[in-house]
Amino acid sequence: QVQLVESGGGLVQAGDSLRLYCEASGLTFSNYAMAWFRQAPGKEREFVAAISRRMGRTGYADSVKGRFTASRDNGKSLMYLQMNSLRPEDTAVYYCAADQRNNAYGWSDKGSDYDYWGQGTQVTVSS
């Protein structure tokens, strides 16, 4: 049974940092591109960041470029999202997702391409 479990969310002030974790089980983690998405109240889910299954190639939404960094440890089946200079508009539930794609060095920013999803972790940034 595949499970993706997010953790690390919380309530912080604008300008603070947080590190999110996504722990995967029940799958061969190194076979999956991974991504972070988020959904704020009343808004649609949006892409945040992704990382390829090999070489750790990353991609980011324009709104988080230069502030967020995605990384992964295939040996530990963990993905991370380092979030710096947080803003109130970053407030959302953050989800990790896994995509078993043939391209080992690519990633997708489309939620429909992802096979598995976690339950999410809440990030709240106060002004």
Foldseek 3Di string as FASTA:
>chain_A
DKAWAKDFADEEAAQAKTKMKIAIPPDQLLQWKKFKWWDDPPGDIFGAKIFFSPPGDMDGDPVQPPFWDWDADSVRRMIMIIGGRDDQVVWTWMKMFIARDPPRGDDDRDPVRTDDMHPTDTHGYHD
